[in-house]
């Protein structure tokens, strides 16, 4: 795993919280490299909107507001439901088999650290038959922002049973060609994740205020 991948994983797994300052010197010591590759890695992560570069110091992990989160989920619902509708209409027997495999694999990883990777693999597999690579790339960027906001989706692990039930319902409708039903479940799935992240944000704010 390269330096960019290592730092990205540390951020998305919650080792560096939103708003945390990442020192070039500290990162260089942690990963046993000089400051130059650390600087380059932070520039790459800034392009992914995971950090904001602090000239001469390092970078700060991006911190999203609840308003940012509202916008992100509005976009996710629009883009992901469109992808799923298109994919359901185009998916063949092979695509259905891939979806079943993705469901089983992501279910095994659910609730564990880094399970957002399996979750993205599942959704990406469903959307691929739509053949909309640019739209899929936008969705991946938006999902990464959500993962960052939730510090690795740790707070969503408590809802694992519900998320897996949704996944199963989506795959069944997908395999049967029922696009409207699949999109309806996906929309509710995303709205529930949104509500839980908003609740997490409010809880953190209360803790910060000492309530």
N, C-alpha and C. Protein backbone atom coordinates (compact mmCIF):
# COMPACT_ATOMS: atom_id res chain seq x y z
N UNK A 1 0.85 -1.19 0.00
CA UNK A 1 0.00 0.00 0.00
C UNK A 1 0.88 1.24 0.00
N UNK A 2 0.64 2.16 -0.94
CA UNK A 2 1.41 3.37 -1.04
C UNK A 2 1.10 4.37 0.06
N UNK A 3 1.87 5.44 0.12
CA UNK A 3 1.69 6.43 1.18
C UNK A 3 0.33 7.10 1.12
N UNK A 4 -0.12 7.44 -0.07
CA UNK A 4 -1.43 8.08 -0.21
C UNK A 4 -2.52 7.16 0.33
N UNK A 5 -2.44 5.89 -0.04
CA UNK A 5 -3.44 4.91 0.40
C UNK A 5 -3.42 4.73 1.91
N UNK A 6 -2.22 4.74 2.50
CA UNK A 6 -2.11 4.56 3.95
C UNK A 6 -2.72 5.73 4.71
N UNK A 7 -2.41 6.94 4.26
CA UNK A 7 -2.94 8.12 4.95
C UNK A 7 -4.46 8.21 4.72
N UNK A 8 -4.91 7.89 3.51
CA UNK A 8 -6.34 7.91 3.22
C UNK A 8 -7.08 6.93 4.13
N UNK A 9 -6.54 5.72 4.26
CA UNK A 9 -7.19 4.71 5.11
C UNK A 9 -7.25 5.17 6.56
N UNK A 10 -6.18 5.80 7.03
CA UNK A 10 -6.16 6.30 8.42
C UNK A 10 -7.22 7.36 8.64
N UNK A 11 -7.43 8.22 7.63
CA UNK A 11 -8.46 9.26 7.74
C UNK A 11 -9.85 8.64 7.74
N UNK A 12 -10.11 7.76 6.79
CA UNK A 12 -11.45 7.19 6.64
C UNK A 12 -11.81 6.22 7.76
N UNK A 13 -10.79 5.66 8.41
CA UNK A 13 -11.06 4.77 9.54
C UNK A 13 -11.16 5.52 10.86
N UNK A 14 -11.04 6.85 10.79
CA UNK A 14 -11.23 7.66 11.99
C UNK A 14 -10.00 7.87 12.83
N UNK A 15 -8.82 7.46 12.34
CA UNK A 15 -7.59 7.68 13.12
C UNK A 15 -7.24 9.16 13.16
N UNK A 16 -7.64 9.90 12.13
CA UNK A 16 -7.48 11.36 12.10
C UNK A 16 -8.88 11.95 11.97
N UNK A 17 -9.37 12.57 13.00
CA UNK A 17 -10.74 13.07 13.02
C UNK A 17 -10.91 14.30 12.13
N UNK A 18 -12.13 14.57 11.67
CA UNK A 18 -12.39 15.80 10.92
C UNK A 18 -11.91 17.01 11.69
N UNK A 19 -11.17 17.89 11.01
CA UNK A 19 -10.63 19.08 11.64
C UNK A 19 -9.23 18.90 12.20
N UNK A 20 -8.74 17.65 12.28
CA UNK A 20 -7.40 17.40 12.83
C UNK A 20 -6.33 17.91 11.88
N UNK A 21 -5.27 18.48 12.46
CA UNK A 21 -4.13 18.95 11.66
C UNK A 21 -3.14 17.81 11.49
N UNK A 22 -2.72 17.57 10.24
CA UNK A 22 -1.75 16.53 9.92
C UNK A 22 -0.41 17.20 9.65
N UNK A 23 0.52 17.01 10.55
CA UNK A 23 1.85 17.60 10.42
C UNK A 23 2.69 16.78 9.45
N UNK A 24 3.35 17.46 8.52
CA UNK A 24 4.25 16.76 7.60
C UNK A 24 5.35 16.03 8.36
N UNK A 25 5.88 16.68 9.39
CA UNK A 25 6.96 16.09 10.16
C UNK A 25 6.49 14.83 10.88
N UNK A 26 5.31 14.90 11.51
CA UNK A 26 4.78 13.75 12.23
C UNK A 26 4.45 12.60 11.29
N UNK A 27 3.86 12.91 10.15
CA UNK A 27 3.52 11.86 9.19
C UNK A 27 4.78 11.21 8.62
N UNK A 28 5.80 12.03 8.38
CA UNK A 28 7.06 11.48 7.86
C UNK A 28 7.66 10.50 8.85
N UNK A 29 7.59 10.84 10.15
CA UNK A 29 8.12 9.95 11.18
C UNK A 29 7.29 8.68 11.29
N UNK A 30 5.97 8.84 11.20
CA UNK A 30 5.07 7.68 11.33
C UNK A 30 5.29 6.67 10.22
N UNK A 31 5.47 7.17 9.00
CA UNK A 31 5.57 6.26 7.85
C UNK A 31 7.01 6.02 7.39
N UNK A 32 7.97 6.60 8.09
CA UNK A 32 9.37 6.34 7.77
C UNK A 32 9.81 6.85 6.42
N UNK A 33 9.34 8.06 6.07
CA UNK A 33 9.71 8.67 4.79
C UNK A 33 10.14 10.11 5.05
N UNK A 34 10.61 10.77 4.00
CA UNK A 34 10.95 12.18 4.13
C UNK A 34 9.70 13.03 3.98
N UNK A 35 9.84 14.33 4.18
CA UNK A 35 8.67 15.21 4.11
C UNK A 35 8.18 15.41 2.69
N UNK A 36 9.06 15.22 1.70
CA UNK A 36 8.65 15.47 0.31
C UNK A 36 7.54 14.52 -0.15
N UNK A 37 7.68 13.20 0.03
CA UNK A 37 6.57 12.33 -0.36
C UNK A 37 5.30 12.57 0.47
N UNK A 38 5.46 13.01 1.72
CA UNK A 38 4.29 13.33 2.55
C UNK A 38 3.58 14.54 1.95
N UNK A 39 4.35 15.54 1.58
CA UNK A 39 3.75 16.74 0.97
C UNK A 39 2.98 16.37 -0.29
N UNK A 40 3.59 15.52 -1.14
CA UNK A 40 2.93 15.10 -2.38
C UNK A 40 1.67 14.30 -2.09
N UNK A 41 1.72 13.44 -1.07
CA UNK A 41 0.56 12.63 -0.71
C UNK A 41 -0.59 13.52 -0.24
N UNK A 42 -0.26 14.54 0.55
CA UNK A 42 -1.30 15.45 1.04
C UNK A 42 -1.92 16.25 -0.10
N UNK A 43 -1.12 16.58 -1.09
CA UNK A 43 -1.65 17.27 -2.26
C UNK A 43 -2.65 16.38 -2.99
N UNK A 44 -2.33 15.09 -3.09
CA UNK A 44 -3.24 14.14 -3.74
C UNK A 44 -4.54 14.01 -2.96
N UNK A 45 -4.44 13.96 -1.65
CA UNK A 45 -5.63 13.83 -0.81
C UNK A 45 -6.46 15.12 -0.82
N UNK A 46 -5.79 16.25 -1.02
CA UNK A 46 -6.52 17.52 -1.15
C UNK A 46 -7.35 17.50 -2.44
N UNK A 47 -6.81 16.90 -3.50
CA UNK A 47 -7.55 16.79 -4.76
C UNK A 47 -8.79 15.90 -4.59
N UNK A 48 -8.74 14.97 -3.63
CA UNK A 48 -9.88 14.10 -3.34
C UNK A 48 -10.84 14.74 -2.35
N UNK A 49 -10.51 15.97 -1.92
CA UNK A 49 -11.34 16.72 -0.96
C UNK A 49 -11.40 16.05 0.42
N UNK A 50 -10.33 15.35 0.78
CA UNK A 50 -10.24 14.76 2.10
C UNK A 50 -9.50 15.67 3.08
N UNK A 51 -8.59 16.48 2.57
CA UNK A 51 -7.84 17.40 3.43
C UNK A 51 -7.75 18.76 2.75
N UNK A 52 -7.40 19.75 3.57
CA UNK A 52 -7.10 21.10 3.08
C UNK A 52 -5.64 21.37 3.40
N UNK A 53 -4.86 21.69 2.39
CA UNK A 53 -3.43 21.90 2.58
C UNK A 53 -3.17 23.19 3.35
N UNK A 54 -2.27 23.09 4.35
CA UNK A 54 -1.83 24.26 5.11
C UNK A 54 -0.39 24.54 4.70
N UNK A 55 -0.15 25.57 3.90
CA UNK A 55 1.18 25.83 3.38
C UNK A 55 2.26 25.86 4.47
N UNK A 56 3.30 25.05 4.26
CA UNK A 56 4.43 25.02 5.18
C UNK A 56 4.21 24.22 6.44
N UNK A 57 3.00 23.71 6.65
CA UNK A 57 2.71 22.99 7.89
C UNK A 57 2.27 21.54 7.65
N UNK A 58 1.40 21.36 6.69
CA UNK A 58 0.84 20.03 6.47
C UNK A 58 -0.55 20.17 5.89
N UNK A 59 -1.54 19.63 6.58
CA UNK A 59 -2.91 19.71 6.09
C UNK A 59 -3.88 19.53 7.24
N UNK A 60 -5.11 19.89 6.99
CA UNK A 60 -6.18 19.69 7.98
C UNK A 60 -7.24 18.78 7.35
N UNK A 61 -7.67 17.78 8.10
CA UNK A 61 -8.73 16.90 7.62
C UNK A 61 -10.00 17.72 7.46
N UNK A 62 -10.66 17.55 6.32
CA UNK A 62 -11.85 18.34 6.02
C UNK A 62 -12.95 18.07 7.05
N UNK A 63 -13.61 19.12 7.48
CA UNK A 63 -14.75 19.01 8.40
C UNK A 63 -15.98 19.55 7.69
N UNK A 64 -17.00 18.72 7.55
CA UNK A 64 -18.21 19.11 6.86
C UNK A 64 -19.25 19.61 7.86
N UNK A 65 -20.08 20.53 7.41
CA UNK A 65 -21.18 21.02 8.23
C UNK A 65 -22.43 20.18 7.95
N UNK A 66 -23.44 20.33 8.77
CA UNK A 66 -24.69 19.60 8.53
C UNK A 66 -25.33 20.05 7.22
N UNK A 67 -25.12 21.31 6.85
CA UNK A 67 -25.64 21.81 5.58
C UNK A 67 -24.92 21.13 4.42
N UNK A 68 -23.62 20.93 4.56
CA UNK A 68 -22.87 20.19 3.54
C UNK A 68 -23.44 18.79 3.39
N UNK A 69 -23.72 18.16 4.52
CA UNK A 69 -24.24 16.79 4.51
C UNK A 69 -25.61 16.73 3.83
N UNK A 70 -26.46 17.72 4.08
CA UNK A 70 -27.76 17.77 3.42
C UNK A 70 -27.59 17.79 1.90
N UNK A 71 -26.69 18.63 1.43
CA UNK A 71 -26.47 18.74 -0.01
C UNK A 71 -25.90 17.45 -0.58
N UNK A 72 -24.95 16.85 0.14
CA UNK A 72 -24.33 15.61 -0.33
C UNK A 72 -25.37 14.51 -0.49
N UNK A 73 -26.25 14.36 0.49
CA UNK A 73 -27.23 13.29 0.39
C UNK A 73 -28.30 13.58 -0.65
N UNK A 74 -28.66 14.85 -0.85
CA UNK A 74 -29.58 15.18 -1.93
C UNK A 74 -28.99 14.74 -3.27
N UNK A 75 -27.70 15.01 -3.45
CA UNK A 75 -27.03 14.62 -4.70
C UNK A 75 -26.90 13.11 -4.81
N UNK A 76 -26.58 12.46 -3.69
CA UNK A 76 -26.45 11.00 -3.72
C UNK A 76 -27.76 10.33 -4.12
N UNK A 77 -28.85 10.77 -3.53
CA UNK A 77 -30.15 10.17 -3.84
C UNK A 77 -30.46 10.35 -5.33
N UNK A 78 -30.23 11.54 -5.85
CA UNK A 78 -30.51 11.80 -7.25
C UNK A 78 -29.63 10.94 -8.16
N UNK A 79 -28.34 10.93 -7.90
CA UNK A 79 -27.40 10.24 -8.79
C UNK A 79 -27.47 8.72 -8.64
N UNK A 80 -27.58 8.23 -7.39
CA UNK A 80 -27.56 6.79 -7.19
C UNK A 80 -28.86 6.13 -7.63
N UNK A 81 -29.98 6.78 -7.39
CA UNK A 81 -31.25 6.21 -7.84
C UNK A 81 -31.32 6.18 -9.37
N UNK A 82 -30.77 7.21 -10.00
CA UNK A 82 -30.73 7.22 -11.46
C UNK A 82 -29.85 6.08 -11.98
N UNK A 83 -28.70 5.90 -11.36
CA UNK A 83 -27.81 4.80 -11.78
C UNK A 83 -28.48 3.44 -11.60
N UNK A 84 -29.15 3.26 -10.47
CA UNK A 84 -29.79 1.98 -10.19
C UNK A 84 -30.92 1.71 -11.18
N UNK A 85 -31.69 2.73 -11.51
CA UNK A 85 -32.78 2.56 -12.47
C UNK A 85 -32.24 2.14 -13.84
N UNK A 86 -31.19 2.83 -14.27
CA UNK A 86 -30.58 2.49 -15.56
C UNK A 86 -29.97 1.09 -15.54
N UNK A 87 -29.28 0.78 -14.43
CA UNK A 87 -28.60 -0.51 -14.33
C UNK A 87 -29.60 -1.67 -14.29
N UNK A 88 -30.70 -1.48 -13.57
CA UNK A 88 -31.71 -2.54 -13.48
C UNK A 88 -32.27 -2.88 -14.86
N UNK A 89 -32.44 -1.87 -15.69
CA UNK A 89 -32.98 -2.10 -17.03
C UNK A 89 -31.98 -2.82 -17.93
N UNK A 90 -30.68 -2.65 -17.66
CA UNK A 90 -29.65 -3.22 -18.54
C UNK A 90 -29.03 -4.50 -18.00
N UNK A 91 -29.21 -4.77 -16.71
CA UNK A 91 -28.51 -5.90 -16.08
C UNK A 91 -28.95 -7.24 -16.69
N UNK A 92 -27.95 -8.09 -16.96
CA UNK A 92 -28.23 -9.42 -17.49
C UNK A 92 -27.97 -10.46 -16.40
N UNK A 93 -28.01 -11.74 -16.78
CA UNK A 93 -27.81 -12.81 -15.81
C UNK A 93 -26.46 -12.71 -15.12
N UNK A 94 -25.43 -12.34 -15.87
CA UNK A 94 -24.09 -12.18 -15.30
C UNK A 94 -24.06 -11.07 -14.26
N UNK A 95 -24.73 -9.96 -14.57
CA UNK A 95 -24.78 -8.83 -13.62
C UNK A 95 -25.54 -9.22 -12.36
N UNK A 96 -26.59 -10.01 -12.52
CA UNK A 96 -27.35 -10.47 -11.35
C UNK A 96 -26.48 -11.36 -10.46
N UNK A 97 -25.66 -12.21 -11.08
CA UNK A 97 -24.75 -13.08 -10.31
C UNK A 97 -23.71 -12.25 -9.57
N UNK A 98 -23.20 -11.21 -10.24
CA UNK A 98 -22.21 -10.32 -9.61
C UNK A 98 -22.84 -9.61 -8.41
N UNK A 99 -24.09 -9.21 -8.55
CA UNK A 99 -24.78 -8.52 -7.45
C UNK A 99 -24.96 -9.46 -6.26
N UNK A 100 -25.31 -10.70 -6.53
CA UNK A 100 -25.47 -11.69 -5.45
C UNK A 100 -24.15 -11.90 -4.72
N UNK A 101 -23.06 -12.01 -5.48
CA UNK A 101 -21.74 -12.20 -4.88
C UNK A 101 -21.35 -10.99 -4.04
N UNK A 102 -21.59 -9.78 -4.58
CA UNK A 102 -21.25 -8.55 -3.86
C UNK A 102 -22.04 -8.45 -2.56
N UNK A 103 -23.30 -8.89 -2.60
CA UNK A 103 -24.13 -8.87 -1.40
C UNK A 103 -23.56 -9.79 -0.33
N UNK A 104 -23.19 -11.01 -0.72
CA UNK A 104 -22.64 -11.97 0.24
C UNK A 104 -21.32 -11.47 0.82
N UNK A 105 -20.46 -10.96 -0.05
CA UNK A 105 -19.13 -10.51 0.40
C UNK A 105 -19.24 -9.31 1.32
N UNK A 106 -20.04 -8.33 0.95
CA UNK A 106 -20.17 -7.12 1.78
C UNK A 106 -20.85 -7.45 3.11
N UNK A 107 -21.74 -8.44 3.11
CA UNK A 107 -22.42 -8.83 4.34
C UNK A 107 -21.44 -9.41 5.35
N UNK A 108 -20.42 -10.13 4.85
CA UNK A 108 -19.41 -10.70 5.74
C UNK A 108 -18.55 -9.61 6.39
N UNK A 109 -18.39 -8.48 5.70
CA UNK A 109 -17.54 -7.40 6.19
C UNK A 109 -18.31 -6.37 7.02
N UNK A 110 -19.63 -6.47 6.99
CA UNK A 110 -20.47 -5.46 7.65
C UNK A 110 -20.20 -5.37 9.14
N UNK A 111 -20.15 -4.14 9.66
CA UNK A 111 -19.95 -3.93 11.09
C UNK A 111 -18.50 -3.92 11.53
N UNK A 112 -17.59 -4.29 10.63
CA UNK A 112 -16.17 -4.30 10.98
C UNK A 112 -15.52 -2.99 10.58
N UNK A 113 -14.35 -2.72 11.13
CA UNK A 113 -13.63 -1.51 10.75
C UNK A 113 -13.34 -1.55 9.25
N UNK A 114 -13.59 -0.44 8.60
CA UNK A 114 -13.35 -0.36 7.16
C UNK A 114 -14.44 -0.98 6.32
N UNK A 115 -15.61 -1.26 6.93
CA UNK A 115 -16.67 -1.92 6.17
C UNK A 115 -17.26 -1.03 5.08
N UNK A 116 -16.91 0.26 5.11
CA UNK A 116 -17.37 1.15 4.04
C UNK A 116 -16.82 0.72 2.69
N UNK A 117 -15.65 0.03 2.70
CA UNK A 117 -15.09 -0.46 1.44
C UNK A 117 -15.99 -1.53 0.83
N UNK A 118 -16.45 -2.46 1.65
CA UNK A 118 -17.36 -3.48 1.17
C UNK A 118 -18.71 -2.91 0.75
N UNK A 119 -19.17 -1.90 1.48
CA UNK A 119 -20.43 -1.26 1.16
C UNK A 119 -20.35 -0.58 -0.21
N UNK A 120 -19.23 0.09 -0.47
CA UNK A 120 -19.06 0.74 -1.78
C UNK A 120 -18.94 -0.31 -2.88
N UNK A 121 -18.23 -1.40 -2.63
CA UNK A 121 -18.12 -2.47 -3.61
C UNK A 121 -19.49 -2.99 -4.00
N UNK A 122 -20.37 -3.15 -3.00
CA UNK A 122 -21.73 -3.64 -3.25
C UNK A 122 -22.49 -2.67 -4.16
N UNK A 123 -22.52 -1.40 -3.79
CA UNK A 123 -23.27 -0.43 -4.57
C UNK A 123 -22.66 -0.23 -5.96
N UNK A 124 -21.36 -0.19 -6.03
CA UNK A 124 -20.69 -0.03 -7.32
C UNK A 124 -21.04 -1.17 -8.26
N UNK A 125 -21.07 -2.40 -7.74
CA UNK A 125 -21.42 -3.55 -8.55
C UNK A 125 -22.82 -3.41 -9.13
N UNK A 126 -23.76 -2.92 -8.32
CA UNK A 126 -25.12 -2.72 -8.80
C UNK A 126 -25.18 -1.68 -9.92
N UNK A 127 -24.38 -0.62 -9.79
CA UNK A 127 -24.49 0.51 -10.71
C UNK A 127 -23.72 0.32 -12.02
N UNK A 128 -22.74 -0.57 -12.05
CA UNK A 128 -21.87 -0.70 -13.22
C UNK A 128 -22.62 -0.95 -14.53
N UNK A 129 -23.67 -1.78 -14.55
CA UNK A 129 -24.36 -2.01 -15.83
C UNK A 129 -24.95 -0.75 -16.45
N UNK A 130 -25.10 0.32 -15.69
CA UNK A 130 -25.62 1.57 -16.24
C UNK A 130 -24.65 2.17 -17.25
N UNK A 131 -23.38 1.80 -17.13
CA UNK A 131 -22.32 2.29 -18.03
C UNK A 131 -22.27 3.82 -18.04
N UNK A 132 -22.17 4.38 -16.83
CA UNK A 132 -22.07 5.84 -16.64
C UNK A 132 -20.87 6.12 -15.76
N UNK A 133 -19.65 5.97 -16.29
CA UNK A 133 -18.44 6.09 -15.46
C UNK A 133 -18.26 7.44 -14.79
N UNK A 134 -18.61 8.53 -15.46
CA UNK A 134 -18.45 9.85 -14.85
C UNK A 134 -19.42 10.03 -13.68
N UNK A 135 -20.64 9.59 -13.89
CA UNK A 135 -21.64 9.69 -12.82
C UNK A 135 -21.22 8.81 -11.63
N UNK A 136 -20.68 7.63 -11.92
CA UNK A 136 -20.25 6.73 -10.87
C UNK A 136 -19.08 7.34 -10.09
N UNK A 137 -18.18 8.03 -10.78
CA UNK A 137 -17.06 8.69 -10.10
C UNK A 137 -17.55 9.79 -9.17
N UNK A 138 -18.58 10.53 -9.58
CA UNK A 138 -19.15 11.56 -8.72
C UNK A 138 -19.76 10.94 -7.46
N UNK A 139 -20.45 9.82 -7.64
CA UNK A 139 -21.04 9.12 -6.50
C UNK A 139 -19.97 8.66 -5.54
N UNK A 140 -18.88 8.13 -6.07
CA UNK A 140 -17.79 7.65 -5.20
C UNK A 140 -17.22 8.80 -4.37
N UNK A 141 -17.06 9.96 -4.98
CA UNK A 141 -16.53 11.12 -4.26
C UNK A 141 -17.49 11.55 -3.15
N UNK A 142 -18.78 11.56 -3.44
CA UNK A 142 -19.78 11.94 -2.44
C UNK A 142 -19.82 10.93 -1.30
N UNK A 143 -19.73 9.65 -1.62
CA UNK A 143 -19.74 8.62 -0.58
C UNK A 143 -18.50 8.72 0.30
N UNK A 144 -17.36 9.05 -0.29
CA UNK A 144 -16.14 9.22 0.50
C UNK A 144 -16.30 10.37 1.49
N UNK A 145 -16.97 11.44 1.07
CA UNK A 145 -17.22 12.56 1.98
C UNK A 145 -18.08 12.12 3.15
N UNK A 146 -19.06 11.27 2.90
CA UNK A 146 -19.92 10.76 3.98
C UNK A 146 -19.11 9.90 4.94
N UNK A 147 -18.23 9.07 4.39
CA UNK A 147 -17.39 8.21 5.23
C UNK A 147 -16.49 9.05 6.12
N UNK A 148 -15.92 10.10 5.55
CA UNK A 148 -15.08 11.03 6.30
C UNK A 148 -15.88 11.68 7.42
N UNK A 149 -17.09 12.11 7.11
CA UNK A 149 -17.94 12.79 8.09
C UNK A 149 -18.22 11.89 9.28
N UNK A 150 -18.42 10.59 9.00
CA UNK A 150 -18.77 9.65 10.06
C UNK A 150 -17.55 8.96 10.66
N UNK A 151 -16.35 9.42 10.31
CA UNK A 151 -15.11 8.80 10.80
C UNK A 151 -15.14 7.28 10.59
N UNK A 152 -15.34 6.91 9.32
CA UNK A 152 -15.30 5.50 8.99
C UNK A 152 -16.61 4.77 9.16
N UNK A 153 -17.72 5.53 9.27
CA UNK A 153 -19.05 4.93 9.42
C UNK A 153 -19.18 4.13 10.71
N UNK A 154 -18.32 4.37 11.69
CA UNK A 154 -18.39 3.60 12.93
C UNK A 154 -19.77 3.72 13.57
N UNK A 155 -20.36 4.90 13.51
CA UNK A 155 -21.66 5.11 14.15
C UNK A 155 -22.78 4.37 13.45
N UNK A 156 -22.57 4.00 12.19
CA UNK A 156 -23.61 3.30 11.45
C UNK A 156 -23.59 1.80 11.70
N UNK A 157 -22.56 1.31 12.36
CA UNK A 157 -22.45 -0.13 12.59
C UNK A 157 -23.62 -0.67 13.41
N UNK A 158 -24.18 0.20 14.27
CA UNK A 158 -25.30 -0.24 15.11
C UNK A 158 -26.53 -0.58 14.27
N UNK A 159 -26.58 -0.08 13.04
CA UNK A 159 -27.72 -0.35 12.17
C UNK A 159 -27.44 -1.40 11.13
N UNK A 160 -26.40 -2.23 11.36
CA UNK A 160 -25.98 -3.20 10.35
C UNK A 160 -27.11 -4.09 9.87
N UNK A 161 -27.93 -4.60 10.78
CA UNK A 161 -29.01 -5.51 10.40
C UNK A 161 -29.98 -4.83 9.43
N UNK A 162 -30.29 -3.58 9.70
CA UNK A 162 -31.22 -2.84 8.84
C UNK A 162 -30.60 -2.60 7.46
N UNK A 163 -29.29 -2.21 7.45
CA UNK A 163 -28.63 -1.93 6.16
C UNK A 163 -28.57 -3.19 5.30
N UNK A 164 -28.27 -4.33 5.92
CA UNK A 164 -28.17 -5.58 5.16
C UNK A 164 -29.54 -6.01 4.64
N UNK A 165 -30.58 -5.76 5.42
CA UNK A 165 -31.93 -6.07 4.97
C UNK A 165 -32.28 -5.24 3.74
N UNK A 166 -31.91 -3.96 3.77
CA UNK A 166 -32.12 -3.09 2.62
C UNK A 166 -31.36 -3.61 1.40
N UNK A 167 -30.10 -3.99 1.61
CA UNK A 167 -29.29 -4.50 0.50
C UNK A 167 -29.95 -5.71 -0.14
N UNK A 168 -30.43 -6.62 0.71
CA UNK A 168 -31.08 -7.81 0.19
C UNK A 168 -32.33 -7.48 -0.62
N UNK A 169 -33.12 -6.53 -0.14
CA UNK A 169 -34.34 -6.13 -0.85
C UNK A 169 -34.00 -5.47 -2.19
N UNK A 170 -32.95 -4.67 -2.20
CA UNK A 170 -32.54 -4.01 -3.45
C UNK A 170 -32.11 -5.06 -4.48
N UNK A 171 -31.30 -6.02 -4.06
CA UNK A 171 -30.81 -7.05 -4.98
C UNK A 171 -31.96 -7.88 -5.53
N UNK A 172 -32.94 -8.20 -4.69
CA UNK A 172 -34.08 -9.00 -5.16
C UNK A 172 -34.86 -8.25 -6.23
N UNK A 173 -35.14 -6.97 -5.97
CA UNK A 173 -35.87 -6.16 -6.95
C UNK A 173 -35.05 -5.97 -8.21
N UNK A 174 -33.74 -5.80 -8.05
CA UNK A 174 -32.80 -5.62 -9.16
C UNK A 174 -32.84 -6.85 -10.06
N UNK A 175 -32.77 -8.03 -9.45
CA UNK A 175 -32.76 -9.28 -10.21
C UNK A 175 -34.08 -9.53 -10.93
N UNK A 176 -35.17 -9.05 -10.34
CA UNK A 176 -36.49 -9.23 -10.94
C UNK A 176 -36.85 -8.15 -11.95
N UNK A 177 -35.95 -7.16 -12.11
CA UNK A 177 -36.20 -6.08 -13.05
C UNK A 177 -37.19 -5.05 -12.57
N UNK A 178 -37.43 -5.00 -11.26
CA UNK A 178 -38.39 -4.05 -10.69
C UNK A 178 -37.63 -2.78 -10.28
N UNK A 179 -37.34 -1.94 -11.26
CA UNK A 179 -36.50 -0.76 -11.03
C UNK A 179 -37.12 0.21 -10.04
N UNK A 180 -38.43 0.46 -10.16
CA UNK A 180 -39.08 1.43 -9.27
C UNK A 180 -38.99 0.97 -7.82
N UNK A 181 -39.22 -0.32 -7.58
CA UNK A 181 -39.13 -0.84 -6.22
C UNK A 181 -37.70 -0.77 -5.68
N UNK A 182 -36.72 -1.14 -6.52
CA UNK A 182 -35.31 -1.10 -6.11
C UNK A 182 -34.91 0.33 -5.73
N UNK A 183 -35.33 1.29 -6.55
CA UNK A 183 -34.98 2.69 -6.28
C UNK A 183 -35.68 3.21 -5.03
N UNK A 184 -36.90 2.73 -4.78
CA UNK A 184 -37.61 3.14 -3.58
C UNK A 184 -36.89 2.69 -2.32
N UNK A 185 -36.42 1.44 -2.33
CA UNK A 185 -35.68 0.93 -1.17
C UNK A 185 -34.36 1.69 -1.02
N UNK A 186 -33.67 1.93 -2.13
CA UNK A 186 -32.41 2.66 -2.07
C UNK A 186 -32.60 4.07 -1.53
N UNK A 187 -33.66 4.73 -1.96
CA UNK A 187 -33.92 6.10 -1.48
C UNK A 187 -34.12 6.11 0.04
N UNK A 188 -34.92 5.18 0.54
CA UNK A 188 -35.15 5.09 1.98
C UNK A 188 -33.87 4.73 2.71
N UNK A 189 -33.06 3.88 2.10
CA UNK A 189 -31.77 3.45 2.66
C UNK A 189 -30.84 4.66 2.86
N UNK A 190 -30.76 5.49 1.84
CA UNK A 190 -29.90 6.67 1.91
C UNK A 190 -30.45 7.72 2.88
N UNK A 191 -31.76 7.87 2.90
CA UNK A 191 -32.37 8.83 3.82
C UNK A 191 -32.14 8.42 5.27
N UNK A 192 -32.19 7.12 5.54
CA UNK A 192 -31.95 6.64 6.90
C UNK A 192 -30.50 6.89 7.32
N UNK A 193 -29.55 6.67 6.40
CA UNK A 193 -28.14 6.94 6.69
C UNK A 193 -27.94 8.43 6.96
N UNK A 194 -28.62 9.26 6.19
CA UNK A 194 -28.55 10.71 6.38
C UNK A 194 -29.03 11.09 7.78
N UNK A 195 -30.19 10.56 8.16
CA UNK A 195 -30.74 10.89 9.48
C UNK A 195 -29.79 10.46 10.60
N UNK A 196 -29.17 9.31 10.44
CA UNK A 196 -28.30 8.83 11.51
C UNK A 196 -27.03 9.68 11.62
N UNK A 197 -26.51 10.13 10.49
CA UNK A 197 -25.32 10.97 10.53
C UNK A 197 -25.64 12.35 11.11
N UNK A 198 -26.83 12.86 10.81
CA UNK A 198 -27.26 14.14 11.40
C UNK A 198 -27.38 13.99 12.92
N UNK A 199 -27.95 12.87 13.36
CA UNK A 199 -28.08 12.63 14.80
C UNK A 199 -26.71 12.53 15.45
N UNK A 200 -25.77 11.89 14.76
CA UNK A 200 -24.39 11.79 15.27
C UNK A 200 -23.78 13.18 15.41
N UNK A 201 -24.01 14.03 14.41
CA UNK A 201 -23.47 15.39 14.45
C UNK A 201 -24.03 16.16 15.64
N UNK A 202 -25.34 16.03 15.87
CA UNK A 202 -25.97 16.75 16.98
C UNK A 202 -25.45 16.23 18.32
N UNK A 203 -25.24 14.91 18.40
CA UNK A 203 -24.72 14.32 19.64
C UNK A 203 -23.32 14.84 19.93
N UNK A 204 -22.50 14.93 18.88
CA UNK A 204 -21.13 15.43 19.07
C UNK A 204 -21.15 16.89 19.51
N UNK A 205 -22.06 17.67 18.93
CA UNK A 205 -22.15 19.08 19.31
C UNK A 205 -22.55 19.22 20.77
N UNK A 206 -23.48 18.38 21.23
CA UNK A 206 -23.91 18.42 22.63
C UNK A 206 -22.76 18.06 23.56
N UNK A 207 -21.96 17.05 23.14
CA UNK A 207 -20.82 16.65 23.97
C UNK A 207 -19.79 17.76 24.05
N UNK A 208 -19.61 18.46 22.92
CA UNK A 208 -18.66 19.57 22.89
C UNK A 208 -19.10 20.69 23.83
N UNK A 209 -20.42 20.88 23.91
CA UNK A 209 -20.96 21.93 24.78
C UNK A 209 -21.04 21.49 26.24
N UNK A 210 -20.74 20.20 26.47
CA UNK A 210 -20.78 19.70 27.84
C UNK A 210 -22.15 19.36 28.33
N UNK A 211 -23.10 19.13 27.35
CA UNK A 211 -24.47 18.82 27.75
C UNK A 211 -24.57 17.34 28.09
